Amino acid sequence: MQILRTILTILFVIDCIALTVVVLMQEGKSQGLGAIAGAADTYWGKNKGRSMEGGLVKATTIMGVLFFVLAVVLNLNF
């Protein structure tokens, strides 16, 4: 069991570093009141998922879920 815990801890550290890098690579979304009217069209555009920003959002979501799951699993006493 100690080997599994070591492997999960290494994956957790790698995920923490990767999540930090991906979040820092994303563009800022604070555009003030202009975001109310025009930014919704650019965010919900049909090609958003294929852009680099869309990929970063998906990667952040996946790594965030992995972070949470690994944190819970590593906190268990097995």
N, C-alpha and C. Protein backbone atom coordinates (compact mmCIF):
# COMPACT_ATOMS: atom_id res chain seq x y z
N MET A 1 0.81 -1.20 0.00
CA MET A 1 0.00 0.00 0.00
C MET A 1 0.85 1.27 0.00
N GLN A 2 2.04 1.18 0.55
CA GLN A 2 2.90 2.35 0.59
C GLN A 2 3.35 2.76 -0.81
N ILE A 3 3.54 1.78 -1.69
CA ILE A 3 3.94 2.09 -3.07
C ILE A 3 2.82 2.84 -3.79
N LEU A 4 1.58 2.39 -3.59
CA LEU A 4 0.43 3.07 -4.21
C LEU A 4 0.31 4.50 -3.69
N ARG A 5 0.51 4.68 -2.40
CA ARG A 5 0.43 6.03 -1.81
C ARG A 5 1.53 6.93 -2.37
N THR A 6 2.73 6.39 -2.58
CA THR A 6 3.83 7.16 -3.15
C THR A 6 3.52 7.57 -4.59
N ILE A 7 2.99 6.64 -5.36
CA ILE A 7 2.64 6.92 -6.76
C ILE A 7 1.55 7.99 -6.83
N LEU A 8 0.53 7.88 -5.97
CA LEU A 8 -0.55 8.88 -5.96
C LEU A 8 -0.04 10.24 -5.52
N THR A 9 0.91 10.26 -4.58
CA THR A 9 1.49 11.53 -4.13
C THR A 9 2.28 12.19 -5.25
N ILE A 10 3.04 11.40 -6.00
CA ILE A 10 3.79 11.95 -7.14
C ILE A 10 2.83 12.49 -8.19
N LEU A 11 1.74 11.76 -8.49
CA LEU A 11 0.74 12.25 -9.44
C LEU A 11 0.08 13.53 -8.94
N PHE A 12 -0.13 13.62 -7.63
CA PHE A 12 -0.74 14.81 -7.03
C PHE A 12 0.16 16.03 -7.21
N VAL A 13 1.46 15.86 -6.98
CA VAL A 13 2.40 16.97 -7.12
C VAL A 13 2.49 17.41 -8.58
N ILE A 14 2.54 16.45 -9.50
CA ILE A 14 2.58 16.78 -10.93
C ILE A 14 1.32 17.52 -11.34
N ASP A 15 0.16 17.06 -10.83
CA ASP A 15 -1.10 17.71 -11.15
C ASP A 15 -1.14 19.13 -10.59
N CYS A 16 -0.62 19.34 -9.39
CA CYS A 16 -0.59 20.68 -8.80
C CYS A 16 0.25 21.64 -9.65
N ILE A 17 1.40 21.19 -10.07
CA ILE A 17 2.27 22.04 -10.89
C ILE A 17 1.64 22.33 -12.24
N ALA A 18 1.08 21.30 -12.88
CA ALA A 18 0.45 21.47 -14.19
C ALA A 18 -0.77 22.38 -14.10
N LEU A 19 -1.56 22.23 -13.04
CA LEU A 19 -2.74 23.07 -12.87
C LEU A 19 -2.34 24.53 -12.68
N THR A 20 -1.29 24.77 -11.94
CA THR A 20 -0.80 26.14 -11.75
C THR A 20 -0.36 26.74 -13.08
N VAL A 21 0.37 25.97 -13.88
CA VAL A 21 0.86 26.47 -15.17
C VAL A 21 -0.30 26.77 -16.12
N VAL A 22 -1.28 25.88 -16.17
CA VAL A 22 -2.40 26.06 -17.09
C VAL A 22 -3.24 27.27 -16.69
N VAL A 23 -3.45 27.47 -15.40
CA VAL A 23 -4.23 28.62 -14.95
C VAL A 23 -3.49 29.91 -15.28
N LEU A 24 -2.18 29.93 -15.11
CA LEU A 24 -1.42 31.13 -15.40
C LEU A 24 -1.34 31.42 -16.90
N MET A 25 -1.50 30.41 -17.75
CA MET A 25 -1.46 30.61 -19.20
C MET A 25 -2.75 31.21 -19.74
N GLN A 26 -3.83 31.12 -18.99
CA GLN A 26 -5.12 31.62 -19.48
C GLN A 26 -5.15 33.14 -19.48
N GLU A 27 -5.94 33.67 -20.40
CA GLU A 27 -6.11 35.11 -20.49
C GLU A 27 -7.05 35.58 -19.39
N GLY A 28 -6.87 36.83 -18.98
CA GLY A 28 -7.77 37.40 -17.99
C GLY A 28 -9.14 37.65 -18.58
N LYS A 29 -10.15 37.45 -17.80
CA LYS A 29 -11.51 37.63 -18.30
C LYS A 29 -12.17 38.85 -17.68
N SER A 30 -11.44 39.69 -16.99
CA SER A 30 -12.03 40.88 -16.37
C SER A 30 -12.00 42.03 -17.38
N GLN A 31 -13.13 42.26 -18.00
CA GLN A 31 -13.23 43.31 -19.01
C GLN A 31 -14.19 44.40 -18.56
N GLY A 32 -14.52 44.44 -17.31
CA GLY A 32 -15.40 45.48 -16.82
C GLY A 32 -16.83 45.30 -17.31
N LEU A 33 -17.52 46.40 -17.49
CA LEU A 33 -18.92 46.34 -17.92
C LEU A 33 -19.06 45.96 -19.39
N GLY A 34 -17.99 46.05 -20.16
CA GLY A 34 -18.05 45.65 -21.56
C GLY A 34 -18.28 44.17 -21.73
N ALA A 35 -18.01 43.40 -20.71
CA ALA A 35 -18.20 41.95 -20.79
C ALA A 35 -19.67 41.57 -20.79
N ILE A 36 -20.53 42.47 -20.33
CA ILE A 36 -21.96 42.15 -20.25
C ILE A 36 -22.55 42.00 -21.64
N ALA A 37 -22.18 42.86 -22.54
CA ALA A 37 -22.82 42.87 -23.85
C ALA A 37 -22.08 42.03 -24.88
N GLY A 38 -20.79 42.30 -25.10
CA GLY A 38 -20.14 41.72 -26.25
C GLY A 38 -19.31 40.48 -26.00
N ALA A 39 -18.86 40.28 -24.80
CA ALA A 39 -17.95 39.16 -24.56
C ALA A 39 -18.67 37.82 -24.56
N ALA A 40 -19.95 37.83 -24.33
CA ALA A 40 -20.69 36.57 -24.32
C ALA A 40 -20.66 35.93 -25.70
N ASP A 41 -20.68 36.73 -26.74
CA ASP A 41 -20.64 36.18 -28.09
C ASP A 41 -19.30 35.51 -28.37
N THR A 42 -18.23 36.10 -27.91
CA THR A 42 -16.93 35.50 -28.18
C THR A 42 -16.71 34.26 -27.32
N TYR A 43 -17.22 34.25 -26.08
CA TYR A 43 -17.02 33.10 -25.22
C TYR A 43 -17.85 31.91 -25.69
N TRP A 44 -19.06 32.14 -26.07
CA TRP A 44 -19.94 31.04 -26.46
C TRP A 44 -19.92 30.77 -27.97
N GLY A 45 -18.94 31.31 -28.65
CA GLY A 45 -18.83 31.07 -30.09
C GLY A 45 -18.62 29.59 -30.37
N LYS A 46 -19.01 29.16 -31.56
CA LYS A 46 -18.97 27.72 -31.85
C LYS A 46 -17.55 27.19 -32.02
N ASN A 47 -16.57 28.03 -32.27
CA ASN A 47 -15.19 27.57 -32.40
C ASN A 47 -14.38 27.75 -31.13
N LYS A 48 -15.02 28.12 -30.03
CA LYS A 48 -14.30 28.37 -28.78
C LYS A 48 -13.62 27.09 -28.27
N GLY A 49 -14.27 25.95 -28.41
CA GLY A 49 -13.72 24.71 -27.92
C GLY A 49 -12.49 24.26 -28.69
N ARG A 50 -12.33 24.74 -29.90
CA ARG A 50 -11.20 24.33 -30.72
C ARG A 50 -10.02 25.28 -30.59
N SER A 51 -10.21 26.41 -29.94
CA SER A 51 -9.12 27.36 -29.79
C SER A 51 -8.23 26.95 -28.63
N MET A 52 -7.10 27.62 -28.51
CA MET A 52 -6.18 27.32 -27.42
C MET A 52 -6.82 27.66 -26.07
N GLU A 53 -7.56 28.76 -26.03
CA GLU A 53 -8.21 29.16 -24.78
C GLU A 53 -9.25 28.12 -24.35
N GLY A 54 -9.99 27.59 -25.31
CA GLY A 54 -10.96 26.55 -25.00
C GLY A 54 -10.29 25.29 -24.49
N GLY A 55 -9.16 24.96 -25.07
CA GLY A 55 -8.41 23.79 -24.59
C GLY A 55 -7.87 24.00 -23.19
N LEU A 56 -7.44 25.21 -22.89
CA LEU A 56 -6.95 25.50 -21.54
C LEU A 56 -8.07 25.42 -20.51
N VAL A 57 -9.27 25.85 -20.90
CA VAL A 57 -10.41 25.76 -19.98
C VAL A 57 -10.75 24.30 -19.71
N LYS A 58 -10.75 23.47 -20.74
CA LYS A 58 -11.02 22.04 -20.55
C LYS A 58 -9.95 21.38 -19.71
N ALA A 59 -8.68 21.73 -19.96
CA ALA A 59 -7.58 21.15 -19.19
C ALA A 59 -7.67 21.57 -17.73
N THR A 60 -8.06 22.81 -17.47
CA THR A 60 -8.21 23.28 -16.10
C THR A 60 -9.30 22.51 -15.38
N THR A 61 -10.40 22.27 -16.06
CA THR A 61 -11.50 21.52 -15.46
C THR A 61 -11.08 20.10 -15.12
N ILE A 62 -10.43 19.44 -16.07
CA ILE A 62 -10.01 18.05 -15.85
C ILE A 62 -8.98 17.96 -14.73
N MET A 63 -8.01 18.86 -14.75
CA MET A 63 -6.98 18.82 -13.71
C MET A 63 -7.52 19.23 -12.35
N GLY A 64 -8.51 20.10 -12.33
CA GLY A 64 -9.15 20.48 -11.07
C GLY A 64 -9.89 19.31 -10.44
N VAL A 65 -10.61 18.56 -11.26
CA VAL A 65 -11.32 17.37 -10.76
C VAL A 65 -10.31 16.33 -10.28
N LEU A 66 -9.24 16.12 -11.05
CA LEU A 66 -8.19 15.17 -10.65
C LEU A 66 -7.54 15.60 -9.34
N PHE A 67 -7.31 16.91 -9.18
CA PHE A 67 -6.74 17.44 -7.95
C PHE A 67 -7.64 17.11 -6.76
N PHE A 68 -8.93 17.35 -6.92
CA PHE A 68 -9.88 17.09 -5.83
C PHE A 68 -9.94 15.61 -5.48
N VAL A 69 -10.02 14.75 -6.49
CA VAL A 69 -10.10 13.31 -6.25
C VAL A 69 -8.84 12.79 -5.57
N LEU A 70 -7.67 13.21 -6.08
CA LEU A 70 -6.43 12.76 -5.46
C LEU A 70 -6.28 13.28 -4.03
N ALA A 71 -6.73 14.49 -3.76
CA ALA A 71 -6.65 15.03 -2.41
C ALA A 71 -7.52 14.22 -1.46
N VAL A 72 -8.71 13.84 -1.90
CA VAL A 72 -9.60 13.04 -1.06
C VAL A 72 -9.01 11.65 -0.83
N VAL A 73 -8.51 11.03 -1.88
CA VAL A 73 -7.97 9.67 -1.77
C VAL A 73 -6.72 9.66 -0.89
N LEU A 74 -5.87 10.66 -1.04
CA LEU A 74 -4.65 10.70 -0.22
C LEU A 74 -4.95 11.02 1.24
N ASN A 75 -6.10 11.61 1.51
CA ASN A 75 -6.47 11.93 2.88
C ASN A 75 -7.07 10.74 3.62
N LEU A 76 -7.47 9.72 2.91
CA LEU A 76 -8.00 8.52 3.54
C LEU A 76 -6.89 7.77 4.25
N ASN A 77 -7.22 7.11 5.32
CA ASN A 77 -6.24 6.32 6.06
C ASN A 77 -6.37 4.85 5.66
N PHE A 78 -5.64 4.47 4.66
CA PHE A 78 -5.65 3.05 4.25
C PHE A 78 -4.30 2.45 4.38
